[in-house]
PDB file of N, CA and C in Angstrom:
ATOM      1  N   MET A   1      61.574 -39.909  18.271  1.00  0.00           N
ATOM      2  CA  MET A   1      61.392 -38.733  17.405  1.00  0.00           C
ATOM      3  C   MET A   1      59.968 -38.304  17.405  1.00  0.00           C
ATOM      4  N   TYR A   2      59.714 -36.981  17.518  1.00  0.00           N
ATOM      5  CA  TYR A   2      58.359 -36.415  17.515  1.00  0.00           C
ATOM      6  C   TYR A   2      57.832 -36.362  16.078  1.00  0.00           C
ATOM      7  N   ASP A   3      56.675 -36.943  15.865  1.00  0.00           N
ATOM      8  CA  ASP A   3      56.040 -36.919  14.566  1.00  0.00           C
ATOM      9  C   ASP A   3      54.694 -36.214  14.735  1.00  0.00           C
ATOM     10  N   PRO A   4      54.521 -34.989  14.264  1.00  0.00           N
ATOM     11  CA  PRO A   4      53.277 -34.268  14.463  1.00  0.00           C
ATOM     12  C   PRO A   4      52.082 -34.976  13.845  1.00  0.00           C
ATOM     13  N   GLN A   5      50.944 -34.835  14.477  1.00  0.00           N
ATOM     14  CA  GLN A   5      49.711 -35.402  13.968  1.00  0.00           C
ATOM     15  C   GLN A   5      49.035 -34.387  13.075  1.00  0.00           C
ATOM     16  N   TRP A   6      48.326 -34.875  12.087  1.00  0.00           N
ATOM     17  CA  TRP A   6      47.634 -34.047  11.148  1.00  0.00           C
ATOM     18  C   TRP A   6      46.126 -34.003  11.503  1.00  0.00           C
ATOM     19  N   PHE A   7      45.528 -32.817  11.411  1.00  0.00           N
ATOM     20  CA  PHE A   7      44.100 -32.646  11.704  1.00  0.00           C
ATOM     21  C   PHE A   7      43.429 -31.783  10.622  1.00  0.00           C
ATOM     22  N   ILE A   8      42.140 -31.986  10.489  1.00  0.00           N
ATOM     23  CA  ILE A   8      41.291 -31.127   9.648  1.00  0.00           C
ATOM     24  C   ILE A   8      40.182 -30.547  10.480  1.00  0.00           C
ATOM     25  N   ARG A   9      39.658 -29.425  10.013  1.00  0.00           N
ATOM     26  CA  ARG A   9      38.548 -28.772  10.689  1.00  0.00           C
ATOM     27  C   ARG A   9      37.446 -28.554   9.664  1.00  0.00           C
ATOM     28  N   THR A  10      36.199 -28.750  10.039  1.00  0.00           N
ATOM     29  CA  THR A  10      35.067 -28.562   9.139  1.00  0.00           C
ATOM     30  C   THR A  10      34.215 -27.411   9.580  1.00  0.00           C
ATOM     31  N   ASP A  11      33.405 -26.913   8.647  1.00  0.00           N
ATOM     32  CA  ASP A  11      32.419 -25.902   8.999  1.00  0.00           C
ATOM     33  C   ASP A  11      31.092 -26.619   9.332  1.00  0.00           C
ATOM     34  N   ALA A  12      30.063 -25.883   9.566  1.00  0.00           N
ATOM     35  CA  ALA A  12      28.764 -26.445   9.966  1.00  0.00           C
ATOM     36  C   ALA A  12      28.163 -27.380   8.886  1.00  0.00           C
ATOM     37  N   ALA A  13      28.540 -27.141   7.649  1.00  0.00           N
ATOM     38  CA  ALA A  13      28.032 -27.963   6.526  1.00  0.00           C
ATOM     39  C   ALA A  13      28.868 -29.210   6.290  1.00  0.00           C
ATOM     40  N   GLY A  14      29.916 -29.390   7.085  1.00  0.00           N
ATOM     41  CA  GLY A  14      30.771 -30.564   6.920  1.00  0.00           C
ATOM     42  C   GLY A  14      31.870 -30.393   5.884  1.00  0.00           C
ATOM     43  N   LEU A  15      32.035 -29.177   5.370  1.00  0.00           N
ATOM     44  CA  LEU A  15      33.080 -28.931   4.389  1.00  0.00           C
ATOM     45  C   LEU A  15      34.410 -28.723   5.132  1.00  0.00           C
ATOM     46  N   VAL A  16      35.461 -29.322   4.591  1.00  0.00           N
ATOM     47  CA  VAL A  16      36.795 -29.210   5.205  1.00  0.00           C
ATOM     48  C   VAL A  16      37.328 -27.818   4.887  1.00  0.00           C
ATOM     49  N   VAL A  17      37.544 -27.003   5.934  1.00  0.00           N
ATOM     50  CA  VAL A  17      37.947 -25.629   5.711  1.00  0.00           C
ATOM     51  C   VAL A  17      39.346 -25.319   6.241  1.00  0.00           C
ATOM     52  N   ARG A  18      39.935 -26.275   6.955  1.00  0.00           N
ATOM     53  CA  ARG A  18      41.287 -26.016   7.491  1.00  0.00           C
ATOM     54  C   ARG A  18      42.000 -27.334   7.738  1.00  0.00           C
ATOM     55  N   GLY A  19      43.320 -27.312   7.488  1.00  0.00           N
ATOM     56  CA  GLY A  19      44.147 -28.443   7.813  1.00  0.00           C
ATOM     57  C   GLY A  19      45.413 -27.941   8.517  1.00  0.00           C
ATOM     58  N   PHE A  20      45.869 -28.689   9.507  1.00  0.00           N
ATOM     59  CA  PHE A  20      47.063 -28.246  10.246  1.00  0.00           C
ATOM     60  C   PHE A  20      47.695 -29.462  10.916  1.00  0.00           C
ATOM     61  N   THR A  21      48.909 -29.229  11.440  1.00  0.00           N
ATOM     62  CA  THR A  21      49.582 -30.286  12.188  1.00  0.00           C
ATOM     63  C   THR A  21      49.820 -29.773  13.593  1.00  0.00           C
ATOM     64  N   THR A  22      50.066 -30.703  14.507  1.00  0.00           N
ATOM     65  CA  THR A  22      50.317 -30.346  15.904  1.00  0.00           C
ATOM     66  C   THR A  22      51.692 -29.738  16.085  1.00  0.00           C
ATOM     67  N   ALA A  23      52.465 -29.638  15.018  1.00  0.00           N
ATOM     68  CA  ALA A  23      53.733 -28.929  15.080  1.00  0.00           C
ATOM     69  C   ALA A  23      53.509 -27.415  15.216  1.00  0.00           C
ATOM     70  N   PHE A  24      52.339 -26.944  14.735  1.00  0.00           N
ATOM     71  CA  PHE A  24      52.083 -25.511  14.730  1.00  0.00           C
ATOM     72  C   PHE A  24      50.812 -25.113  15.433  1.00  0.00           C
ATOM     73  N   ASP A  25      49.904 -26.033  15.693  1.00  0.00           N
ATOM     74  CA  ASP A  25      48.625 -25.699  16.300  1.00  0.00           C
ATOM     75  C   ASP A  25      48.141 -26.915  17.081  1.00  0.00           C
ATOM     76  N   GLN A  26      47.205 -26.687  17.974  1.00  0.00           N
ATOM     77  CA  GLN A  26      46.623 -27.787  18.732  1.00  0.00           C
ATOM     78  C   GLN A  26      45.151 -27.957  18.358  1.00  0.00           C
ATOM     79  N   PRO A  27      44.703 -29.190  18.272  1.00  0.00           N
ATOM     80  CA  PRO A  27      43.318 -29.457  17.846  1.00  0.00           C
ATOM     81  C   PRO A  27      42.305 -28.909  18.880  1.00  0.00           C
ATOM     82  N   GLN A  28      41.152 -28.534  18.356  1.00  0.00           N
ATOM     83  CA  GLN A  28      40.035 -28.132  19.173  1.00  0.00           C
ATOM     84  C   GLN A  28      38.990 -29.235  19.133  1.00  0.00           C
ATOM     85  N   ALA A  29      38.004 -29.125  20.008  1.00  0.00           N
ATOM     86  CA  ALA A  29      36.916 -30.098  19.970  1.00  0.00           C
ATOM     87  C   ALA A  29      36.268 -30.098  18.576  1.00  0.00           C
ATOM     88  N   GLY A  30      36.068 -31.274  18.047  1.00  0.00           N
ATOM     89  CA  GLY A  30      35.471 -31.397  16.734  1.00  0.00           C
ATOM     90  C   GLY A  30      36.474 -31.562  15.613  1.00  0.00           C
ATOM     91  N   ASP A  31      37.738 -31.240  15.842  1.00  0.00           N
ATOM     92  CA  ASP A  31      38.738 -31.433  14.796  1.00  0.00           C
ATOM     93  C   ASP A  31      38.958 -32.934  14.571  1.00  0.00           C
ATOM     94  N   ILE A  32      39.303 -33.303  13.359  1.00  0.00           N
ATOM     95  CA  ILE A  32      39.360 -34.718  12.970  1.00  0.00           C
ATOM     96  C   ILE A  32      40.811 -35.089  12.655  1.00  0.00           C
ATOM     97  N   LEU A  33      41.291 -36.160  13.275  1.00  0.00           N
ATOM     98  CA  LEU A  33      42.638 -36.678  13.011  1.00  0.00           C
ATOM     99  C   LEU A  33      42.696 -37.299  11.627  1.00  0.00           C
ATOM    100  N   VAL A  34      43.715 -36.919  10.872  1.00  0.00           N
ATOM    101  CA  VAL A  34      43.926 -37.513   9.526  1.00  0.00           C
ATOM    102  C   VAL A  34      44.977 -38.601   9.717  1.00  0.00           C
ATOM    103  N   SER A  35      44.575 -39.831   9.620  1.00  0.00           N
ATOM    104  CA  SER A  35      45.510 -40.930   9.820  1.00  0.00           C
ATOM    105  C   SER A  35      46.318 -41.206   8.558  1.00  0.00           C
ATOM    106  N   GLY A  36      47.488 -41.803   8.757  1.00  0.00           N
ATOM    107  CA  GLY A  36      48.325 -42.183   7.639  1.00  0.00           C
ATOM    108  C   GLY A  36      49.134 -41.024   7.057  1.00  0.00           C
ATOM    109  N   GLN A  37      49.153 -39.903   7.731  1.00  0.00           N
ATOM    110  CA  GLN A  37      49.906 -38.749   7.252  1.00  0.00           C
ATOM    111  C   GLN A  37      50.953 -38.416   8.282  1.00  0.00           C
ATOM    112  N   SER A  38      52.087 -37.866   7.835  1.00  0.00           N
ATOM    113  CA  SER A  38      53.097 -37.446   8.765  1.00  0.00           C
ATOM    114  C   SER A  38      53.847 -36.264   8.198  1.00  0.00           C
ATOM    115  N   GLY A  39      54.605 -35.644   9.026  1.00  0.00           N
ATOM    116  CA  GLY A  39      55.393 -34.479   8.635  1.00  0.00           C
ATOM    117  C   GLY A  39      54.940 -33.251   9.348  1.00  0.00           C
ATOM    118  N   ARG A  40      55.769 -32.259   9.420  1.00  0.00           N
ATOM    119  CA  ARG A  40      55.492 -31.019  10.168  1.00  0.00           C
ATOM    120  C   ARG A  40      54.459 -30.163   9.469  1.00  0.00           C
ATOM    121  N   HIS A  41      54.424 -30.203   8.133  1.00  0.00           N
ATOM    122  CA  HIS A  41      53.577 -29.291   7.393  1.00  0.00           C
ATOM    123  C   HIS A  41      52.392 -30.010   6.745  1.00  0.00           C
ATOM    124  N   PHE A  42      51.219 -29.456   6.964  1.00  0.00           N
ATOM    125  CA  PHE A  42      50.001 -29.998   6.306  1.00  0.00           C
ATOM    126  C   PHE A  42      50.038 -29.561   4.835  1.00  0.00           C
ATOM    127  N   ASN A  43      50.125 -30.481   3.902  1.00  0.00           N
ATOM    128  CA  ASN A  43      50.337 -30.108   2.513  1.00  0.00           C
ATOM    129  C   ASN A  43      49.272 -30.673   1.555  1.00  0.00           C
ATOM    130  N   ILE A  44      48.121 -30.998   2.071  1.00  0.00           N
ATOM    131  CA  ILE A  44      47.015 -31.420   1.201  1.00  0.00           C
ATOM    132  C   ILE A  44      46.256 -30.172   0.757  1.00  0.00           C
ATOM    133  N   PRO A  45      46.139 -29.907  -0.565  1.00  0.00           N
ATOM    134  CA  PRO A  45      45.373 -28.745  -0.987  1.00  0.00           C
ATOM    135  C   PRO A  45      43.905 -28.931  -0.577  1.00  0.00           C
ATOM    136  N   LEU A  46      43.335 -27.939   0.084  1.00  0.00           N
ATOM    137  CA  LEU A  46      41.970 -28.067   0.580  1.00  0.00           C
ATOM    138  C   LEU A  46      40.987 -27.231  -0.211  1.00  0.00           C
ATOM    139  N   THR A  47      41.465 -26.286  -1.040  1.00  0.00           N
ATOM    140  CA  THR A  47      40.557 -25.440  -1.815  1.00  0.00           C
ATOM    141  C   THR A  47      40.998 -25.427  -3.277  1.00  0.00           C
ATOM    142  N   ASN A  48      40.062 -25.109  -4.154  1.00  0.00           N
ATOM    143  CA  ASN A  48      40.407 -24.973  -5.565  1.00  0.00           C
ATOM    144  C   ASN A  48      40.787 -23.506  -5.857  1.00  0.00           C
ATOM    145  N   ASP A  49      41.043 -23.195  -7.094  1.00  0.00           N
ATOM    146  CA  ASP A  49      41.484 -21.834  -7.444  1.00  0.00           C
ATOM    147  C   ASP A  49      40.422 -20.782  -7.222  1.00  0.00           C
ATOM    148  N   ARG A  50      39.162 -21.191  -6.993  1.00  0.00           N
ATOM    149  CA  ARG A  50      38.086 -20.264  -6.721  1.00  0.00           C
ATOM    150  C   ARG A  50      37.860 -20.134  -5.219  1.00  0.00           C
ATOM    151  N   GLY A  51      38.682 -20.826  -4.406  1.00  0.00           N
ATOM    152  CA  GLY A  51      38.550 -20.742  -2.933  1.00  0.00           C
ATOM    153  C   GLY A  51      37.520 -21.653  -2.355  1.00  0.00           C
ATOM    154  N   GLN A  52      36.985 -22.572  -3.136  1.00  0.00           N
ATOM    155  CA  GLN A  52      35.930 -23.493  -2.657  1.00  0.00           C
ATOM    156  C   GLN A  52      36.592 -24.701  -1.991  1.00  0.00           C
ATOM    157  N   PRO A  53      36.014 -25.135  -0.841  1.00  0.00           N
ATOM    158  CA  PRO A  53      36.527 -26.352  -0.198  1.00  0.00           C
ATOM    159  C   PRO A  53      36.368 -27.549  -1.129  1.00  0.00           C
ATOM    160  N   LEU A  54      37.429 -28.335  -1.282  1.00  0.00           N
ATOM    161  CA  LEU A  54      37.429 -29.497  -2.185  1.00  0.00           C
ATOM    162  C   LEU A  54      36.888 -30.771  -1.535  1.00  0.00           C
ATOM    163  N   TYR A  55      36.818 -30.801  -0.213  1.00  0.00           N
ATOM    164  CA  TYR A  55      36.428 -32.016   0.501  1.00  0.00           C
ATOM    165  C   TYR A  55      35.286 -31.741   1.493  1.00  0.00           C
ATOM    166  N   ARG A  56      34.580 -32.858   1.789  1.00  0.00           N
ATOM    167  CA  ARG A  56      33.541 -32.785   2.813  1.00  0.00           C
ATOM    168  C   ARG A  56      33.670 -34.077   3.635  1.00  0.00           C
ATOM    169  N   ILE A  57      33.199 -34.032   4.834  1.00  0.00           N
ATOM    170  CA  ILE A  57      33.189 -35.193   5.709  1.00  0.00           C
ATOM    171  C   ILE A  57      31.802 -35.824   5.586  1.00  0.00           C
ATOM    172  N   THR A  58      31.780 -37.059   5.157  1.00  0.00           N
ATOM    173  CA  THR A  58      30.528 -37.815   5.035  1.00  0.00           C
ATOM    174  C   THR A  58      30.706 -39.155   5.727  1.00  0.00           C
ATOM    175  N   SER A  59      29.879 -39.432   6.697  1.00  0.00           N
ATOM    176  CA  SER A  59      29.942 -40.660   7.492  1.00  0.00           C
ATOM    177  C   SER A  59      31.364 -40.918   8.008  1.00  0.00           C
ATOM    178  N   GLY A  60      32.002 -39.874   8.477  1.00  0.00           N
ATOM    179  CA  GLY A  60      33.309 -39.994   9.065  1.00  0.00           C
ATOM    180  C   GLY A  60      34.475 -40.096   8.082  1.00  0.00           C
ATOM    181  N   SER A  61      34.165 -40.024   6.795  1.00  0.00           N
ATOM    182  CA  SER A  61      35.244 -40.115   5.741  1.00  0.00           C
ATOM    183  C   SER A  61      35.411 -38.781   5.059  1.00  0.00           C
ATOM    184  N   MET A  62      36.638 -38.455   4.704  1.00  0.00           N
ATOM    185  CA  MET A  62      36.924 -37.249   3.936  1.00  0.00           C
ATOM    186  C   MET A  62      36.817 -37.591   2.458  1.00  0.00           C
ATOM    187  N   LEU A  63      35.766 -37.053   1.839  1.00  0.00           N
ATOM    188  CA  LEU A  63      35.469 -37.355   0.409  1.00  0.00           C
ATOM    189  C   LEU A  63      35.609 -36.116  -0.438  1.00  0.00           C
ATOM    190  N   ALA A  64      36.148 -36.323  -1.635  1.00  0.00           N
ATOM    191  CA  ALA A  64      36.271 -35.219  -2.592  1.00  0.00           C
ATOM    192  C   ALA A  64      34.902 -34.812  -3.093  1.00  0.00           C
ATOM    193  N   ARG A  65      34.672 -33.500  -3.187  1.00  0.00           N
ATOM    194  CA  ARG A  65      33.438 -33.002  -3.798  1.00  0.00           C
ATOM    195  C   ARG A  65      33.531 -33.113  -5.313  1.00  0.00           C
ATOM    196  N   SER A  66      32.416 -33.398  -5.947  1.00  0.00           N
ATOM    197  CA  SER A  66      32.438 -33.545  -7.400  1.00  0.00           C
ATOM    198  C   SER A  66      32.550 -32.175  -8.070  1.00  0.00           C
ATOM    199  N   GLN A  67      33.023 -32.196  -9.287  1.00  0.00           N
ATOM    200  CA  GLN A  67      33.121 -30.935 -10.049  1.00  0.00           C
ATOM    201  C   GLN A  67      31.727 -30.343 -10.270  1.00  0.00           C
ATOM    202  N   ALA A  68      30.736 -31.227 -10.427  1.00  0.00           N
ATOM    203  CA  ALA A  68      29.388 -30.752 -10.640  1.00  0.00           C
ATOM    204  C   ALA A  68      28.880 -30.038  -9.399  1.00  0.00           C
ATOM    205  N   GLU A  69      29.167 -30.552  -8.229  1.00  0.00           N
ATOM    206  CA  GLU A  69      28.804 -29.918  -6.973  1.00  0.00           C
ATOM    207  C   GLU A  69      29.475 -28.546  -6.803  1.00  0.00           C
ATOM    208  N   LEU A  70      30.775 -28.519  -7.154  1.00  0.00           N
ATOM    209  CA  LEU A  70      31.500 -27.242  -7.049  1.00  0.00           C
ATOM    210  C   LEU A  70      30.961 -26.210  -8.024  1.00  0.00           C
ATOM    211  N   ASP A  71      30.679 -26.644  -9.262  1.00  0.00           N
ATOM    212  CA  ASP A  71      30.140 -25.734 -10.283  1.00  0.00           C
ATOM    213  C   ASP A  71      28.763 -25.234  -9.895  1.00  0.00           C
ATOM    214  N   GLU A  72      27.913 -26.098  -9.347  1.00  0.00           N
ATOM    215  CA  GLU A  72      26.591 -25.707  -8.890  1.00  0.00           C
ATOM    216  C   GLU A  72      26.667 -24.672  -7.768  1.00  0.00           C
ATOM    217  N   GLU A  73      27.534 -24.914  -6.820  1.00  0.00           N
ATOM    218  CA  GLU A  73      27.761 -23.990  -5.733  1.00  0.00           C
ATOM    219  C   GLU A  73      28.244 -22.628  -6.251  1.00  0.00           C
ATOM    220  N   TRP A  74      29.182 -22.667  -7.198  1.00  0.00           N
ATOM    221  CA  TRP A  74      29.728 -21.437  -7.750  1.00  0.00           C
ATOM    222  C   TRP A  74      28.678 -20.650  -8.478  1.00  0.00           C
ATOM    223  N   ALA A  75      27.844 -21.336  -9.259  1.00  0.00           N
ATOM    224  CA  ALA A  75      26.821 -20.667 -10.042  1.00  0.00           C
ATOM    225  C   ALA A  75      25.767 -20.038  -9.143  1.00  0.00           C
ATOM    226  N   ALA A  76      25.546 -20.597  -7.962  1.00  0.00           N
ATOM    227  CA  ALA A  76      24.488 -20.116  -7.051  1.00  0.00           C
ATOM    228  C   ALA A  76      24.939 -18.934  -6.183  1.00  0.00           C
ATOM    229  N   ARG A  77      26.249 -18.625  -6.205  1.00  0.00           N
ATOM    230  CA  ARG A  77      26.774 -17.570  -5.325  1.00  0.00           C
ATOM    231  C   ARG A  77      26.265 -16.229  -5.840  1.00  0.00           C
ATOM    232  N   PRO A  78      26.116 -15.280  -4.923  1.00  0.00           N
ATOM    233  CA  PRO A  78      25.766 -13.913  -5.386  1.00  0.00           C
ATOM    234  C   PRO A  78      26.925 -13.328  -6.184  1.00  0.00           C
ATOM    235  N   VAL A  79      26.638 -12.775  -7.329  1.00  0.00           N
ATOM    236  CA  VAL A  79      27.689 -12.173  -8.152  1.00  0.00           C
ATOM    237  C   VAL A  79      28.094 -10.850  -7.503  1.00  0.00           C
ATOM    238  N   PRO A  80      29.388 -10.651  -7.264  1.00  0.00           N
ATOM    239  CA  PRO A  80      29.816  -9.412  -6.642  1.00  0.00           C
ATOM    240  C   PRO A  80      29.523  -8.197  -7.546  1.00  0.00           C
ATOM    241  N   LYS A  81      29.165  -7.076  -6.905  1.00  0.00           N
ATOM    242  CA  LYS A  81      28.846  -5.895  -7.683  1.00  0.00           C
ATOM    243  C   LYS A  81      30.142  -5.286  -8.194  1.00  0.00           C
ATOM    244  N   THR A  82      30.041  -4.679  -9.359  1.00  0.00           N
ATOM    245  CA  THR A  82      31.177  -3.977  -9.951  1.00  0.00           C
ATOM    246  C   THR A  82      31.422  -2.691  -9.236  1.00  0.00           C
ATOM    247  N   GLN A  83      32.597  -2.092  -9.448  1.00  0.00           N
ATOM    248  CA  GLN A  83      32.902  -0.809  -8.847  1.00  0.00           C
ATOM    249  C   GLN A  83      31.909   0.228  -9.325  1.00  0.00           C
ATOM    250  N   ASP A  84      31.494   0.179 -10.583  1.00  0.00           N
ATOM    251  CA  ASP A  84      30.515   1.134 -11.106  1.00  0.00           C
ATOM    252  C   ASP A  84      29.190   0.986 -10.400  1.00  0.00           C
ATOM    253  N   GLN A  85      28.723  -0.266 -10.217  1.00  0.00           N
ATOM    254  CA  GLN A  85      27.448  -0.470  -9.491  1.00  0.00           C
ATOM    255  C   GLN A  85      27.536   0.044  -8.087  1.00  0.00           C
ATOM    256  N   LEU A  86      28.618  -0.187  -7.394  1.00  0.00           N
ATOM    257  CA  LEU A  86      28.771   0.294  -6.031  1.00  0.00           C
ATOM    258  C   LEU A  86      28.790   1.819  -5.988  1.00  0.00           C
ATOM    259  N   ARG A  87      29.449   2.451  -6.936  1.00  0.00           N
ATOM    260  CA  ARG A  87      29.503   3.895  -7.005  1.00  0.00           C
ATOM    261  C   ARG A  87      28.123   4.479  -7.286  1.00  0.00           C
ATOM    262  N   ILE A  88      27.387   3.887  -8.210  1.00  0.00           N
ATOM    263  CA  ILE A  88      26.017   4.364  -8.500  1.00  0.00           C
ATOM    264  C   ILE A  88      25.131   4.271  -7.289  1.00  0.00           C
ATOM    265  N   GLU A  89      25.218   3.150  -6.545  1.00  0.00           N
ATOM    266  CA  GLU A  89      24.412   2.994  -5.317  1.00  0.00           C
ATOM    267  C   GLU A  89      24.782   4.084  -4.311  1.00  0.00           C
ATOM    268  N   GLU A  90      26.051   4.380  -4.176  1.00  0.00           N
ATOM    269  CA  GLU A  90      26.498   5.417  -3.233  1.00  0.00           C
ATOM    270  C   GLU A  90      25.975   6.782  -3.653  1.00  0.00           C
ATOM    271  N   LEU A  91      26.074   7.098  -4.941  1.00  0.00           N
ATOM    272  CA  LEU A  91      25.580   8.385  -5.420  1.00  0.00           C
ATOM    273  C   LEU A  91      24.075   8.498  -5.264  1.00  0.00           C
ATOM    274  N   GLU A  92      23.350   7.407  -5.495  1.00  0.00           N
ATOM    275  CA  GLU A  92      21.902   7.443  -5.279  1.00  0.00           C
ATOM    276  C   GLU A  92      21.545   7.659  -3.801  1.00  0.00           C
ATOM    277  N   ARG A  93      22.316   7.056  -2.918  1.00  0.00           N
ATOM    278  CA  ARG A  93      22.112   7.214  -1.493  1.00  0.00           C
ATOM    279  C   ARG A  93      22.371   8.675  -1.099  1.00  0.00           C
ATOM    280  N   GLN A  94      23.469   9.244  -1.643  1.00  0.00           N
ATOM    281  CA  GLN A  94      23.780  10.649  -1.336  1.00  0.00           C
ATOM    282  C   GLN A  94      22.725  11.595  -1.861  1.00  0.00           C
ATOM    283  N   LEU A  95      22.236  11.346  -3.084  1.00  0.00           N
ATOM    284  CA  LEU A  95      21.180  12.158  -3.663  1.00  0.00           C
ATOM    285  C   LEU A  95      19.896  12.093  -2.856  1.00  0.00           C
ATOM    286  N   ALA A  96      19.522  10.907  -2.419  1.00  0.00           N
ATOM    287  CA  ALA A  96      18.332  10.763  -1.593  1.00  0.00           C
ATOM    288  C   ALA A  96      18.477  11.535  -0.286  1.00  0.00           C
ATOM    289  N   GLN A  97      19.661  11.462   0.329  1.00  0.00           N
ATOM    290  CA  GLN A  97      19.883  12.195   1.568  1.00  0.00           C
ATOM    291  C   GLN A  97      19.850  13.698   1.326  1.00  0.00           C
ATOM    292  N   GLN A  98      20.453  14.121   0.254  1.00  0.00           N
ATOM    293  CA  GLN A  98      20.464  15.567  -0.069  1.00  0.00           C
ATOM    294  C   GLN A  98      19.020  16.078  -0.316  1.00  0.00           C
ATOM    295  N   SER A  99      18.245  15.298  -1.008  1.00  0.00           N
ATOM    296  CA  SER A  99      16.849  15.649  -1.276  1.00  0.00           C
ATOM    297  C   SER A  99      16.058  15.751   0.013  1.00  0.00           C
ATOM    298  N   ALA A 100      16.263  14.787   0.892  1.00  0.00           N
ATOM    299  CA  ALA A 100      15.574  14.780   2.204  1.00  0.00           C
ATOM    300  C   ALA A 100      16.010  16.002   3.020  1.00  0.00           C
ATOM    301  N   ASP A 101      17.266  16.319   2.999  1.00  0.00           N
ATOM    302  CA  ASP A 101      17.788  17.478   3.741  1.00  0.00           C
ATOM    303  C   ASP A 101      17.186  18.776   3.189  1.00  0.00           C
ATOM    304  N   GLN A 102      17.111  18.866   1.875  1.00  0.00           N
ATOM    305  CA  GLN A 102      16.582  20.052   1.243  1.00  0.00           C
ATOM    306  C   GLN A 102      15.083  20.216   1.553  1.00  0.00           C
ATOM    307  N   THR A 103      14.353  19.141   1.559  1.00  0.00           N
ATOM    308  CA  THR A 103      12.934  19.207   1.891  1.00  0.00           C
ATOM    309  C   THR A 103      12.764  19.640   3.324  1.00  0.00           C
ATOM    310  N   ALA A 104      13.554  19.094   4.216  1.00  0.00           N
ATOM    311  CA  ALA A 104      13.470  19.471   5.637  1.00  0.00           C
ATOM    312  C   ALA A 104      13.801  20.965   5.824  1.00  0.00           C
ATOM    313  N   PHE A 105      14.814  21.451   5.096  1.00  0.00           N
ATOM    314  CA  PHE A 105      15.181  22.847   5.165  1.00  0.00           C
ATOM    315  C   PHE A 105      14.074  23.759   4.663  1.00  0.00           C
ATOM    316  N   MET A 106      13.470  23.393   3.551  1.00  0.00           N
ATOM    317  CA  MET A 106      12.378  24.189   3.020  1.00  0.00           C
ATOM    318  C   MET A 106      11.158  24.226   3.957  1.00  0.00           C
ATOM    319  N   GLU A 107      10.857  23.094   4.586  1.00  0.00           N
ATOM    320  CA  GLU A 107       9.766  23.056   5.572  1.00  0.00           C
ATOM    321  C   GLU A 107      10.098  23.932   6.737  1.00  0.00           C
ATOM    322  N   PHE A 108      11.363  23.940   7.195  1.00  0.00           N
ATOM    323  CA  PHE A 108      11.779  24.793   8.309  1.00  0.00           C
ATOM    324  C   PHE A 108      11.587  26.291   7.921  1.00  0.00           C
ATOM    325  N   ILE A 109      12.025  26.658   6.717  1.00  0.00           N
ATOM    326  CA  ILE A 109      11.881  28.040   6.261  1.00  0.00           C
ATOM    327  C   ILE A 109      10.437  28.452   6.232  1.00  0.00           C
ATOM    328  N   LEU A 110       9.572  27.590   5.659  1.00  0.00           N
ATOM    329  CA  LEU A 110       8.142  27.909   5.570  1.00  0.00           C
ATOM    330  C   LEU A 110       7.546  28.067   6.943  1.00  0.00           C
ATOM    331  N   GLU A 111       7.878  27.191   7.877  1.00  0.00           N
ATOM    332  CA  GLU A 111       7.388  27.326   9.246  1.00  0.00           C
ATOM    333  C   GLU A 111       7.898  28.601   9.904  1.00  0.00           C
ATOM    334  N   SER A 112       9.107  28.975   9.671  1.00  0.00           N
ATOM    335  CA  SER A 112       9.694  30.179  10.222  1.00  0.00           C
ATOM    336  C   SER A 112       8.986  31.413   9.726  1.00  0.00           C
ATOM    337  N   MET A 113       8.468  31.355   8.508  1.00  0.00           N
ATOM    338  CA  MET A 113       7.801  32.511   7.875  1.00  0.00           C
ATOM    339  C   MET A 113       6.305  32.486   8.194  1.00  0.00           C
ATOM    340  N   GLY A 114       5.889  31.613   9.074  1.00  0.00           N
ATOM    341  CA  GLY A 114       4.470  31.570   9.436  1.00  0.00           C
ATOM    342  C   GLY A 114       3.640  30.711   8.507  1.00  0.00           C
ATOM    343  N   GLY A 115       4.272  29.792   7.835  1.00  0.00           N
ATOM    344  CA  GLY A 115       3.521  28.834   7.025  1.00  0.00           C
ATOM    345  C   GLY A 115       3.098  29.363   5.674  1.00  0.00           C
ATOM    346  N   ARG A 116       3.753  30.452   5.172  1.00  0.00           N
ATOM    347  CA  ARG A 116       3.348  31.003   3.873  1.00  0.00           C
ATOM    348  C   ARG A 116       3.585  30.083   2.729  1.00  0.00           C
TER     349      ARG A 116
END
């Protein structure tokens, strides 16, 4: 009977970012075999409800990240801009472009009139 192997994949920081079985995918160079697991579907939760990786590879072992580490990482992330902030930035960009266009037009008119 065929028993798929389980693998995990890490990012450059050693955080576990993907889990899969050979029933659905083939390992790439650097993927790590998870021993002691079986079944067609990889069913170990790898992220928390905020989308943060729960595990890291340290000295060849898959270790759970502490809640303090996860909270520190979360607090350090850039806070996404609100829709209002994004709209204000876009309006400011449009206003600056309109002002530059108007200045260029006025300079063109003055030059056309002989610099009056």
